[in-house]
Structure formats: C-alpha cells, structure tokens
N, C-alpha and C. Protein backbone atom coordinates (compact mmCIF):
# COMPACT_ATOMS: atom_id res chain seq x y z
N ASP A 1 -1.61 5.38 -37.18
CA ASP A 1 -1.05 6.22 -36.13
C ASP A 1 -0.69 7.60 -36.69
N ALA A 2 -0.76 8.60 -35.85
CA ALA A 2 -0.43 9.96 -36.23
C ALA A 2 1.08 10.10 -36.37
N PRO A 3 1.55 11.06 -37.18
CA PRO A 3 3.00 11.28 -37.29
C PRO A 3 3.60 11.59 -35.93
N GLY A 4 4.77 11.01 -35.65
CA GLY A 4 5.46 11.26 -34.38
C GLY A 4 4.96 10.41 -33.24
N VAL A 5 3.99 9.53 -33.48
CA VAL A 5 3.47 8.68 -32.42
C VAL A 5 3.74 7.23 -32.80
N LEU A 6 4.33 6.50 -31.89
CA LEU A 6 4.63 5.10 -32.13
C LEU A 6 3.81 4.24 -31.18
N ALA A 7 3.28 3.16 -31.68
CA ALA A 7 2.62 2.20 -30.82
C ALA A 7 3.68 1.49 -29.99
N HIS A 8 3.28 0.90 -28.89
CA HIS A 8 4.22 0.23 -27.99
C HIS A 8 5.13 -0.74 -28.73
N ASP A 9 4.58 -1.52 -29.64
CA ASP A 9 5.38 -2.52 -30.35
C ASP A 9 6.27 -1.92 -31.43
N GLU A 10 6.14 -0.62 -31.71
CA GLU A 10 6.97 0.04 -32.71
C GLU A 10 8.16 0.80 -32.11
N VAL A 11 8.23 0.89 -30.79
CA VAL A 11 9.34 1.59 -30.15
C VAL A 11 10.59 0.74 -30.31
N PRO A 12 11.68 1.33 -30.78
CA PRO A 12 12.91 0.55 -30.95
C PRO A 12 13.32 -0.14 -29.66
N ALA A 13 13.76 -1.40 -29.77
CA ALA A 13 14.10 -2.21 -28.62
C ALA A 13 15.11 -1.54 -27.68
N PRO A 14 16.20 -0.93 -28.17
CA PRO A 14 17.14 -0.30 -27.21
C PRO A 14 16.48 0.81 -26.40
N LEU A 15 15.61 1.61 -27.05
CA LEU A 15 14.92 2.67 -26.34
C LEU A 15 13.99 2.07 -25.30
N LEU A 16 13.26 1.03 -25.69
CA LEU A 16 12.34 0.38 -24.77
C LEU A 16 13.10 -0.16 -23.57
N ALA A 17 14.24 -0.80 -23.80
CA ALA A 17 15.02 -1.37 -22.71
C ALA A 17 15.53 -0.29 -21.77
N VAL A 18 15.98 0.83 -22.31
CA VAL A 18 16.50 1.91 -21.47
C VAL A 18 15.37 2.51 -20.64
N VAL A 19 14.24 2.74 -21.24
CA VAL A 19 13.13 3.34 -20.52
C VAL A 19 12.62 2.40 -19.44
N LEU A 20 12.46 1.13 -19.76
CA LEU A 20 11.94 0.19 -18.78
C LEU A 20 12.95 -0.11 -17.68
N ALA A 21 14.23 0.11 -17.94
CA ALA A 21 15.25 -0.15 -16.93
C ALA A 21 15.31 0.94 -15.87
N ALA A 22 14.75 2.11 -16.17
CA ALA A 22 14.79 3.20 -15.21
C ALA A 22 13.80 2.91 -14.08
N PRO A 23 14.24 2.96 -12.81
CA PRO A 23 13.33 2.66 -11.71
C PRO A 23 12.20 3.68 -11.62
N GLY A 24 11.02 3.19 -11.35
CA GLY A 24 9.87 4.06 -11.19
C GLY A 24 9.30 4.63 -12.48
N VAL A 25 9.65 4.05 -13.62
CA VAL A 25 9.20 4.56 -14.90
C VAL A 25 8.72 3.41 -15.77
N VAL A 26 7.58 3.58 -16.41
CA VAL A 26 7.11 2.60 -17.39
C VAL A 26 6.75 3.33 -18.67
N LEU A 27 6.82 2.63 -19.76
CA LEU A 27 6.47 3.19 -21.05
C LEU A 27 4.96 3.20 -21.19
N ASP A 28 4.40 4.32 -21.61
CA ASP A 28 2.97 4.39 -21.85
C ASP A 28 2.56 3.41 -22.93
N GLU A 29 1.29 3.00 -22.92
CA GLU A 29 0.78 2.11 -23.96
C GLU A 29 1.09 2.67 -25.35
N ASP A 30 0.82 3.94 -25.56
CA ASP A 30 1.12 4.60 -26.84
C ASP A 30 2.25 5.58 -26.59
N ALA A 31 3.48 5.13 -26.77
CA ALA A 31 4.65 5.96 -26.48
C ALA A 31 4.79 7.03 -27.54
N THR A 32 4.75 8.29 -27.12
CA THR A 32 4.93 9.40 -28.04
C THR A 32 6.42 9.69 -28.13
N VAL A 33 6.92 9.77 -29.34
CA VAL A 33 8.34 10.03 -29.53
C VAL A 33 8.47 11.40 -30.17
N GLY A 34 9.29 12.25 -29.56
CA GLY A 34 9.52 13.59 -30.10
C GLY A 34 10.93 14.00 -29.77
N GLY A 35 11.69 14.38 -30.75
CA GLY A 35 13.07 14.76 -30.51
C GLY A 35 13.91 13.62 -29.96
N GLY A 36 13.52 12.39 -30.26
CA GLY A 36 14.28 11.23 -29.82
C GLY A 36 13.99 10.78 -28.40
N HIS A 37 13.02 11.40 -27.72
CA HIS A 37 12.70 11.02 -26.35
C HIS A 37 11.30 10.44 -26.27
N ALA A 38 11.15 9.35 -25.61
CA ALA A 38 9.83 8.75 -25.42
C ALA A 38 9.16 9.42 -24.23
N VAL A 39 7.87 9.61 -24.32
CA VAL A 39 7.11 10.11 -23.19
C VAL A 39 6.84 8.92 -22.29
N VAL A 40 7.22 9.04 -21.06
CA VAL A 40 7.06 7.93 -20.13
C VAL A 40 6.13 8.33 -19.00
N GLN A 41 5.65 7.33 -18.30
CA GLN A 41 4.76 7.57 -17.19
C GLN A 41 5.50 7.20 -15.91
N VAL A 42 5.58 8.12 -14.97
CA VAL A 42 6.21 7.84 -13.69
C VAL A 42 5.21 7.07 -12.85
N VAL A 43 5.66 6.00 -12.22
CA VAL A 43 4.78 5.17 -11.42
C VAL A 43 5.29 5.08 -9.99
N ASP A 44 4.41 4.67 -9.11
CA ASP A 44 4.76 4.45 -7.71
C ASP A 44 4.94 2.96 -7.51
N LEU A 45 6.13 2.57 -7.04
CA LEU A 45 6.45 1.16 -6.87
C LEU A 45 5.89 0.66 -5.54
N VAL A 46 5.09 -0.38 -5.64
CA VAL A 46 4.42 -0.94 -4.47
C VAL A 46 4.99 -2.32 -4.18
N HIS A 47 5.31 -2.56 -2.93
CA HIS A 47 5.68 -3.89 -2.47
C HIS A 47 4.48 -4.42 -1.70
N VAL A 48 3.98 -5.59 -2.08
CA VAL A 48 2.82 -6.18 -1.40
C VAL A 48 3.28 -7.38 -0.59
N ALA A 49 2.97 -7.39 0.69
CA ALA A 49 3.34 -8.48 1.58
C ALA A 49 2.08 -9.06 2.21
N ASP A 50 1.80 -10.30 1.89
CA ASP A 50 0.64 -11.00 2.43
C ASP A 50 0.94 -12.49 2.40
N ASP A 51 0.52 -13.21 3.43
CA ASP A 51 0.83 -14.63 3.46
C ASP A 51 -0.15 -15.48 2.66
N HIS A 52 -1.04 -14.87 1.92
CA HIS A 52 -1.97 -15.59 1.06
C HIS A 52 -1.66 -15.27 -0.40
N PRO A 53 -1.11 -16.23 -1.14
CA PRO A 53 -0.76 -15.99 -2.55
C PRO A 53 -1.93 -15.47 -3.41
N VAL A 54 -3.14 -15.90 -3.13
CA VAL A 54 -4.28 -15.43 -3.92
C VAL A 54 -4.50 -13.93 -3.72
N VAL A 55 -4.23 -13.43 -2.52
CA VAL A 55 -4.35 -11.99 -2.26
C VAL A 55 -3.27 -11.25 -3.03
N LEU A 56 -2.04 -11.77 -3.00
CA LEU A 56 -0.93 -11.14 -3.72
C LEU A 56 -1.25 -11.04 -5.21
N GLU A 57 -1.69 -12.14 -5.79
CA GLU A 57 -1.99 -12.14 -7.23
C GLU A 57 -3.18 -11.26 -7.56
N GLY A 58 -4.17 -11.24 -6.67
CA GLY A 58 -5.33 -10.38 -6.90
C GLY A 58 -4.95 -8.91 -6.90
N ILE A 59 -4.15 -8.49 -5.95
CA ILE A 59 -3.72 -7.09 -5.88
C ILE A 59 -2.85 -6.77 -7.09
N ARG A 60 -1.92 -7.67 -7.41
CA ARG A 60 -1.05 -7.45 -8.57
C ARG A 60 -1.87 -7.26 -9.85
N SER A 61 -2.89 -8.06 -10.03
CA SER A 61 -3.67 -7.97 -11.27
C SER A 61 -4.63 -6.78 -11.30
N MET A 62 -5.01 -6.28 -10.13
CA MET A 62 -5.99 -5.20 -10.11
C MET A 62 -5.39 -3.80 -10.05
N LEU A 63 -4.19 -3.66 -9.48
CA LEU A 63 -3.58 -2.32 -9.42
C LEU A 63 -3.10 -1.90 -10.80
N LYS A 64 -3.38 -0.69 -11.14
CA LYS A 64 -3.00 -0.12 -12.44
C LYS A 64 -2.18 1.14 -12.19
N PRO A 65 -1.37 1.54 -13.19
CA PRO A 65 -0.60 2.78 -13.04
C PRO A 65 -1.51 3.92 -12.61
N PRO A 66 -1.05 4.75 -11.72
CA PRO A 66 0.36 4.97 -11.39
C PRO A 66 0.94 3.98 -10.39
N PHE A 67 0.17 2.99 -9.92
CA PHE A 67 0.69 2.02 -8.97
C PHE A 67 1.10 0.75 -9.70
N VAL A 68 2.30 0.30 -9.44
CA VAL A 68 2.82 -0.92 -10.04
C VAL A 68 3.36 -1.81 -8.93
N VAL A 69 2.87 -3.05 -8.88
CA VAL A 69 3.39 -4.00 -7.91
C VAL A 69 4.74 -4.45 -8.42
N ALA A 70 5.80 -4.02 -7.75
CA ALA A 70 7.17 -4.31 -8.17
C ALA A 70 7.73 -5.55 -7.48
N ALA A 71 7.13 -5.94 -6.34
CA ALA A 71 7.61 -7.12 -5.62
C ALA A 71 6.51 -7.60 -4.68
N THR A 72 6.57 -8.88 -4.35
CA THR A 72 5.65 -9.47 -3.38
C THR A 72 6.43 -10.38 -2.44
N ALA A 73 5.87 -10.61 -1.27
CA ALA A 73 6.47 -11.54 -0.32
C ALA A 73 5.35 -12.19 0.49
N THR A 74 5.59 -13.44 0.90
CA THR A 74 4.60 -14.16 1.70
C THR A 74 5.00 -14.26 3.18
N SER A 75 6.08 -13.62 3.55
CA SER A 75 6.49 -13.60 4.96
C SER A 75 7.12 -12.25 5.28
N ALA A 76 7.13 -11.92 6.57
CA ALA A 76 7.73 -10.67 7.00
C ALA A 76 9.22 -10.65 6.67
N GLU A 77 9.93 -11.74 6.95
CA GLU A 77 11.37 -11.80 6.67
C GLU A 77 11.65 -11.65 5.18
N GLY A 78 10.84 -12.30 4.34
CA GLY A 78 11.01 -12.17 2.89
C GLY A 78 10.83 -10.74 2.43
N ALA A 79 9.83 -10.06 2.97
CA ALA A 79 9.59 -8.66 2.61
C ALA A 79 10.74 -7.78 3.06
N LEU A 80 11.22 -7.98 4.28
CA LEU A 80 12.33 -7.17 4.79
C LEU A 80 13.59 -7.39 3.96
N SER A 81 13.83 -8.61 3.53
CA SER A 81 14.99 -8.89 2.67
C SER A 81 14.89 -8.12 1.37
N GLN A 82 13.70 -8.09 0.78
CA GLN A 82 13.51 -7.36 -0.48
C GLN A 82 13.65 -5.86 -0.28
N LEU A 83 13.20 -5.36 0.87
CA LEU A 83 13.32 -3.93 1.15
C LEU A 83 14.79 -3.52 1.30
N GLN A 84 15.65 -4.44 1.68
CA GLN A 84 17.07 -4.13 1.83
C GLN A 84 17.78 -3.97 0.49
N VAL A 85 17.24 -4.56 -0.57
CA VAL A 85 17.94 -4.51 -1.86
C VAL A 85 17.24 -3.66 -2.92
N SER A 86 15.97 -3.31 -2.71
CA SER A 86 15.24 -2.51 -3.70
C SER A 86 14.43 -1.42 -3.01
N ALA A 87 14.36 -0.27 -3.66
CA ALA A 87 13.59 0.85 -3.12
C ALA A 87 12.14 0.77 -3.59
N PHE A 88 11.23 1.08 -2.69
CA PHE A 88 9.81 1.10 -3.00
C PHE A 88 9.21 2.39 -2.46
N ASP A 89 8.10 2.80 -3.05
CA ASP A 89 7.38 3.96 -2.56
C ASP A 89 6.42 3.59 -1.43
N ILE A 90 5.79 2.42 -1.59
CA ILE A 90 4.75 1.99 -0.65
C ILE A 90 4.94 0.51 -0.31
N LEU A 91 4.72 0.19 0.94
CA LEU A 91 4.61 -1.20 1.39
C LEU A 91 3.15 -1.41 1.76
N LEU A 92 2.49 -2.31 1.05
CA LEU A 92 1.10 -2.67 1.35
C LEU A 92 1.18 -4.03 2.02
N ALA A 93 0.94 -4.07 3.33
CA ALA A 93 1.20 -5.28 4.11
C ALA A 93 -0.02 -5.77 4.86
N ASP A 94 -0.12 -7.09 4.92
CA ASP A 94 -1.14 -7.74 5.73
C ASP A 94 -0.79 -7.55 7.20
N TYR A 95 -1.80 -7.35 8.03
CA TYR A 95 -1.57 -7.21 9.47
C TYR A 95 -1.04 -8.50 10.08
N SER A 96 -1.52 -9.61 9.62
CA SER A 96 -1.16 -10.91 10.19
C SER A 96 -0.12 -11.63 9.35
N MET A 97 1.05 -11.04 9.20
CA MET A 97 2.12 -11.65 8.41
C MET A 97 2.81 -12.75 9.20
N ASN A 98 3.24 -13.79 8.49
CA ASN A 98 4.03 -14.85 9.11
C ASN A 98 5.38 -14.30 9.52
N GLY A 99 5.84 -14.67 10.69
CA GLY A 99 7.21 -14.36 11.07
C GLY A 99 7.40 -13.35 12.18
N MET A 100 6.52 -12.36 12.30
CA MET A 100 6.69 -11.39 13.38
C MET A 100 5.42 -10.55 13.53
N PRO A 101 5.25 -9.96 14.72
CA PRO A 101 4.09 -9.09 14.95
C PRO A 101 4.10 -7.90 13.98
N ALA A 102 2.92 -7.43 13.63
CA ALA A 102 2.77 -6.36 12.64
C ALA A 102 3.54 -5.10 13.03
N ALA A 103 3.45 -4.68 14.28
CA ALA A 103 4.12 -3.44 14.70
C ALA A 103 5.64 -3.57 14.53
N ASP A 104 6.19 -4.71 14.88
CA ASP A 104 7.63 -4.93 14.72
C ASP A 104 8.01 -4.92 13.24
N PHE A 105 7.20 -5.56 12.42
CA PHE A 105 7.44 -5.60 10.97
C PHE A 105 7.46 -4.20 10.38
N ILE A 106 6.49 -3.39 10.76
CA ILE A 106 6.40 -2.02 10.25
C ILE A 106 7.62 -1.20 10.69
N ARG A 107 7.97 -1.29 11.96
CA ARG A 107 9.14 -0.54 12.47
C ARG A 107 10.41 -0.94 11.74
N ARG A 108 10.61 -2.25 11.54
CA ARG A 108 11.82 -2.71 10.85
C ARG A 108 11.82 -2.27 9.39
N ALA A 109 10.67 -2.31 8.74
CA ALA A 109 10.59 -1.85 7.34
C ALA A 109 10.97 -0.38 7.25
N LEU A 110 10.50 0.42 8.19
CA LEU A 110 10.80 1.86 8.18
C LEU A 110 12.24 2.16 8.58
N GLU A 111 12.86 1.28 9.35
CA GLU A 111 14.29 1.43 9.64
C GLU A 111 15.11 1.20 8.38
N ILE A 112 14.69 0.22 7.57
CA ILE A 112 15.40 -0.10 6.33
C ILE A 112 15.21 0.99 5.29
N GLN A 113 13.97 1.46 5.14
CA GLN A 113 13.65 2.51 4.17
C GLN A 113 12.83 3.59 4.87
N PRO A 114 13.49 4.58 5.47
CA PRO A 114 12.78 5.60 6.24
C PRO A 114 11.72 6.38 5.47
N GLY A 115 11.87 6.56 4.17
CA GLY A 115 10.88 7.30 3.40
C GLY A 115 9.71 6.46 2.90
N LEU A 116 9.72 5.19 3.22
CA LEU A 116 8.68 4.26 2.79
C LEU A 116 7.34 4.63 3.42
N ARG A 117 6.29 4.53 2.65
CA ARG A 117 4.93 4.72 3.18
C ARG A 117 4.36 3.32 3.40
N VAL A 118 3.70 3.09 4.54
CA VAL A 118 3.16 1.77 4.86
C VAL A 118 1.65 1.85 4.96
N ALA A 119 0.99 0.96 4.21
CA ALA A 119 -0.46 0.80 4.29
C ALA A 119 -0.72 -0.64 4.74
N VAL A 120 -1.65 -0.82 5.66
CA VAL A 120 -1.93 -2.13 6.22
C VAL A 120 -3.31 -2.59 5.78
N LEU A 121 -3.36 -3.87 5.35
CA LEU A 121 -4.62 -4.55 5.04
C LEU A 121 -4.89 -5.54 6.16
N SER A 122 -6.14 -5.66 6.58
CA SER A 122 -6.43 -6.61 7.65
C SER A 122 -7.89 -7.02 7.65
N VAL A 123 -8.13 -8.22 8.19
CA VAL A 123 -9.51 -8.64 8.44
C VAL A 123 -9.97 -8.09 9.79
N HIS A 124 -9.03 -7.65 10.61
CA HIS A 124 -9.34 -7.08 11.92
C HIS A 124 -9.68 -5.60 11.75
N ASP A 125 -10.71 -5.17 12.47
CA ASP A 125 -11.06 -3.76 12.37
C ASP A 125 -11.28 -3.13 13.74
N ASP A 126 -10.78 -3.79 14.79
CA ASP A 126 -10.97 -3.18 16.10
C ASP A 126 -9.95 -2.07 16.33
N ALA A 127 -10.33 -1.13 17.15
CA ALA A 127 -9.55 0.09 17.35
C ALA A 127 -8.14 -0.18 17.85
N SER A 128 -7.96 -1.18 18.71
CA SER A 128 -6.62 -1.44 19.25
C SER A 128 -5.65 -1.87 18.16
N VAL A 129 -6.11 -2.62 17.19
CA VAL A 129 -5.26 -3.06 16.08
C VAL A 129 -4.89 -1.85 15.21
N VAL A 130 -5.86 -1.02 14.92
CA VAL A 130 -5.61 0.17 14.10
C VAL A 130 -4.61 1.08 14.80
N ARG A 131 -4.82 1.34 16.07
CA ARG A 131 -3.89 2.21 16.82
C ARG A 131 -2.49 1.61 16.86
N GLU A 132 -2.40 0.30 17.02
CA GLU A 132 -1.10 -0.38 17.08
C GLU A 132 -0.27 -0.11 15.82
N VAL A 133 -0.87 -0.28 14.65
CA VAL A 133 -0.09 -0.11 13.42
C VAL A 133 0.17 1.35 13.10
N ILE A 134 -0.75 2.22 13.41
CA ILE A 134 -0.53 3.65 13.19
C ILE A 134 0.60 4.14 14.11
N ASN A 135 0.59 3.70 15.36
CA ASN A 135 1.66 4.08 16.30
C ASN A 135 3.01 3.51 15.87
N ALA A 136 3.01 2.39 15.17
CA ALA A 136 4.26 1.79 14.69
C ALA A 136 4.80 2.50 13.46
N GLY A 137 3.97 3.34 12.82
CA GLY A 137 4.44 4.10 11.67
C GLY A 137 3.66 3.91 10.39
N ALA A 138 2.61 3.07 10.41
CA ALA A 138 1.79 2.92 9.21
C ALA A 138 1.03 4.21 8.94
N SER A 139 0.77 4.47 7.68
CA SER A 139 0.04 5.68 7.29
C SER A 139 -1.38 5.39 6.85
N ALA A 140 -1.70 4.09 6.68
CA ALA A 140 -3.05 3.74 6.23
C ALA A 140 -3.45 2.39 6.78
N PHE A 141 -4.75 2.22 6.95
CA PHE A 141 -5.31 0.95 7.40
C PHE A 141 -6.60 0.72 6.63
N VAL A 142 -6.66 -0.43 5.93
CA VAL A 142 -7.82 -0.77 5.12
C VAL A 142 -8.28 -2.17 5.49
N ASN A 143 -9.56 -2.33 5.70
CA ASN A 143 -10.13 -3.63 6.00
C ASN A 143 -10.18 -4.46 4.70
N LYS A 144 -9.87 -5.75 4.78
CA LYS A 144 -9.88 -6.61 3.60
C LYS A 144 -11.28 -6.80 3.02
N GLN A 145 -12.29 -6.41 3.75
CA GLN A 145 -13.65 -6.49 3.23
C GLN A 145 -14.02 -5.26 2.42
N ASP A 146 -13.15 -4.25 2.42
CA ASP A 146 -13.40 -3.03 1.66
C ASP A 146 -13.10 -3.26 0.17
N THR A 147 -13.38 -2.28 -0.63
CA THR A 147 -13.22 -2.40 -2.08
C THR A 147 -11.81 -2.04 -2.54
N LEU A 148 -11.50 -2.38 -3.77
CA LEU A 148 -10.23 -1.98 -4.37
C LEU A 148 -10.14 -0.45 -4.39
N GLY A 149 -11.26 0.22 -4.58
CA GLY A 149 -11.27 1.68 -4.54
C GLY A 149 -10.73 2.23 -3.23
N GLU A 150 -11.05 1.57 -2.12
CA GLU A 150 -10.53 1.99 -0.81
C GLU A 150 -9.02 1.81 -0.76
N VAL A 151 -8.52 0.70 -1.32
CA VAL A 151 -7.07 0.45 -1.33
C VAL A 151 -6.38 1.54 -2.14
N ILE A 152 -6.92 1.85 -3.30
CA ILE A 152 -6.32 2.88 -4.16
C ILE A 152 -6.37 4.25 -3.47
N ASP A 153 -7.48 4.56 -2.81
CA ASP A 153 -7.58 5.81 -2.06
C ASP A 153 -6.51 5.86 -0.97
N ALA A 154 -6.30 4.74 -0.30
CA ALA A 154 -5.29 4.68 0.76
C ALA A 154 -3.90 4.91 0.19
N LEU A 155 -3.58 4.24 -0.92
CA LEU A 155 -2.26 4.39 -1.53
C LEU A 155 -2.03 5.84 -1.98
N SER A 156 -3.03 6.44 -2.58
CA SER A 156 -2.93 7.83 -3.03
C SER A 156 -2.73 8.77 -1.84
N SER A 157 -3.48 8.55 -0.78
CA SER A 157 -3.40 9.40 0.40
C SER A 157 -2.03 9.34 1.06
N VAL A 158 -1.49 8.14 1.22
CA VAL A 158 -0.19 8.05 1.90
C VAL A 158 0.91 8.69 1.08
N LEU A 159 0.81 8.64 -0.24
CA LEU A 159 1.81 9.30 -1.07
C LEU A 159 1.74 10.82 -0.93
N GLU A 160 0.58 11.33 -0.57
CA GLU A 160 0.41 12.76 -0.35
C GLU A 160 0.75 13.15 1.09
N GLY A 161 1.21 12.17 1.88
CA GLY A 161 1.60 12.45 3.25
C GLY A 161 0.47 12.46 4.25
N ARG A 162 -0.67 11.92 3.87
CA ARG A 162 -1.83 11.89 4.77
C ARG A 162 -2.04 10.50 5.36
N VAL A 163 -2.68 10.46 6.50
CA VAL A 163 -3.08 9.19 7.10
C VAL A 163 -4.45 8.83 6.54
N TYR A 164 -4.63 7.55 6.21
CA TYR A 164 -5.90 7.11 5.63
C TYR A 164 -6.44 5.92 6.41
N LEU A 165 -7.70 6.03 6.81
CA LEU A 165 -8.41 4.92 7.43
C LEU A 165 -9.67 4.68 6.61
N SER A 166 -9.87 3.43 6.19
CA SER A 166 -11.07 3.14 5.41
C SER A 166 -12.30 3.41 6.28
N ARG A 167 -13.41 3.63 5.62
CA ARG A 167 -14.63 4.01 6.35
C ARG A 167 -15.00 3.00 7.44
N SER A 168 -14.89 1.72 7.14
CA SER A 168 -15.27 0.71 8.14
C SER A 168 -14.34 0.75 9.35
N VAL A 169 -13.08 1.06 9.14
CA VAL A 169 -12.11 1.13 10.22
C VAL A 169 -12.28 2.42 11.01
N ALA A 170 -12.53 3.51 10.32
CA ALA A 170 -12.73 4.80 11.00
C ALA A 170 -13.91 4.70 11.97
N GLY A 171 -14.92 3.95 11.59
CA GLY A 171 -16.08 3.76 12.47
C GLY A 171 -15.70 3.05 13.75
N ALA A 172 -14.77 2.10 13.68
CA ALA A 172 -14.33 1.37 14.87
C ALA A 172 -13.63 2.30 15.84
N LEU A 173 -12.92 3.30 15.33
CA LEU A 173 -12.18 4.22 16.20
C LEU A 173 -13.09 5.19 16.93
N THR A 174 -14.30 5.38 16.44
CA THR A 174 -15.22 6.30 17.10
C THR A 174 -16.02 5.61 18.20
N GLN A 175 -15.91 4.28 18.31
CA GLN A 175 -16.60 3.54 19.36
C GLN A 175 -15.85 3.69 20.68
N PRO A 176 -16.55 3.67 21.79
CA PRO A 176 -15.87 3.75 23.08
C PRO A 176 -14.90 2.58 23.26
N ALA A 177 -13.80 2.83 23.96
CA ALA A 177 -12.77 1.81 24.13
C ALA A 177 -13.20 0.70 25.07
N GLY A 178 -13.99 1.00 26.07
CA GLY A 178 -14.39 -0.01 27.04
C GLY A 178 -15.83 -0.43 26.86
N PRO A 179 -16.34 -1.21 27.82
CA PRO A 179 -17.74 -1.63 27.72
C PRO A 179 -18.66 -0.41 27.88
N VAL A 180 -19.75 -0.43 27.18
CA VAL A 180 -20.71 0.67 27.22
C VAL A 180 -21.70 0.40 28.35
N LEU A 181 -21.90 1.38 29.20
CA LEU A 181 -22.83 1.25 30.31
C LEU A 181 -24.20 1.77 29.91
N THR A 182 -25.20 1.17 30.50
CA THR A 182 -26.55 1.67 30.26
C THR A 182 -26.73 2.97 31.04
N LEU A 183 -27.77 3.69 30.76
CA LEU A 183 -28.06 4.94 31.47
C LEU A 183 -28.21 4.67 32.96
N ARG A 184 -28.90 3.60 33.32
CA ARG A 184 -29.12 3.26 34.73
C ARG A 184 -27.80 2.92 35.42
N GLU A 185 -26.91 2.16 34.73
CA GLU A 185 -25.61 1.82 35.32
C GLU A 185 -24.78 3.07 35.56
N THR A 186 -24.86 4.02 34.65
CA THR A 186 -24.13 5.28 34.80
C THR A 186 -24.67 6.05 36.00
N GLU A 187 -26.00 6.08 36.17
CA GLU A 187 -26.61 6.78 37.31
C GLU A 187 -26.15 6.15 38.63
N ILE A 188 -26.10 4.81 38.67
CA ILE A 188 -25.69 4.12 39.90
C ILE A 188 -24.23 4.43 40.22
N LEU A 189 -23.37 4.44 39.21
CA LEU A 189 -21.95 4.76 39.43
C LEU A 189 -21.78 6.16 40.00
N LYS A 190 -22.61 7.08 39.56
CA LYS A 190 -22.52 8.46 40.06
C LYS A 190 -22.91 8.54 41.53
N LEU A 191 -23.77 7.63 41.99
CA LEU A 191 -24.21 7.64 43.39
C LEU A 191 -23.18 7.03 44.34
N ILE A 192 -22.26 6.25 43.81
CA ILE A 192 -21.27 5.56 44.66
C ILE A 192 -20.19 6.50 45.12
C-alpha cells in the first residue's frame, strides 16, 4: 500500500466504528487516511418493500454504492413501521404489497417521511396502475421484467428530483386509454 493509504482491514476499529455509525456513510474499500480523517463515501439509503423474500434478497445483493439497502419489509405495515423509526432516501416498493392498496401505502409513507422518494416495482404495466402510483406521490415506476440497470436509473432519477418510467411502462402510457376503433368504425361514428 502507498504511504497514507490504509486497507479496509487496517483502519483502527474505533475509527471504523465511528465512520460506520454515521447515517448515510460507508467506509470505502480502500480508506484513505489523511490528517486523521478517513475518506468516506456518502450513500443513499434504500428501503425495499416487497412481499417476496427472493426479490428482497436479490435487490439487496445486486445494489451497490451509492445505493445501500438499509432495511427491507415484506408487508406494507412492516415498511411503515420502519419508516417511523429510521430515515431513508428512497423507498423501493412492490405495487402489490400485502396489507393495503399501493396508493394508500405510498401516501402514508410520504406522510411519515415527506422528503422520501418512492419508486415502484410491478409486474403490472397498464397505464391506470402507473397513473395511480404517480398520482399518489411515487416518482418512478419500473416493470419487474426490466433490468437492474432500469432500477438503478430510476433510483438515480428520483434522487435528482425527476420522474422516471421504465421504457416498457412509458410505452403503455402512450397507448389510447379506451378500445381502439377501426377506421370504418370511426367513419360510422362520424355519420351518427
């Protein structure tokens, strides 16, 4: 190692404990020490709520800094309880959570933590579902069939204050809301 650079396992335990105890901060893999201060990486704390444990573990294992999964819940009530005691930057929530409708869950989460950004994951991609969660206060909607890259893009976008819709979902919003009429049906309606 170069002078003034300590590997993670060489950082003194009290310093490591103090740095790791600070909310929203993690120690870099190679902590640089200069003037007695460790260089740390600021992270965005993500709460993941999904009623499928395999989804929770998959997201936890795949997200990397600057995003850190700080908590998970398998029910809407469990997530809301955690939001009451800990601050998070982002709530990444399944649309079909156990315990309450998605719009109600999102509204209650935002009442508890008004600055929270909400991103929704769902197997549903119809326009009415997307509009429902966006109107409730969500800032992003990603289809569960999309890639991890889409999830990361959504998380990054909401932190920048933008609304994010994954490509597959955005396509659903451009479709007409009602049944599509043929050209002949449209001509007949005009004659009535």
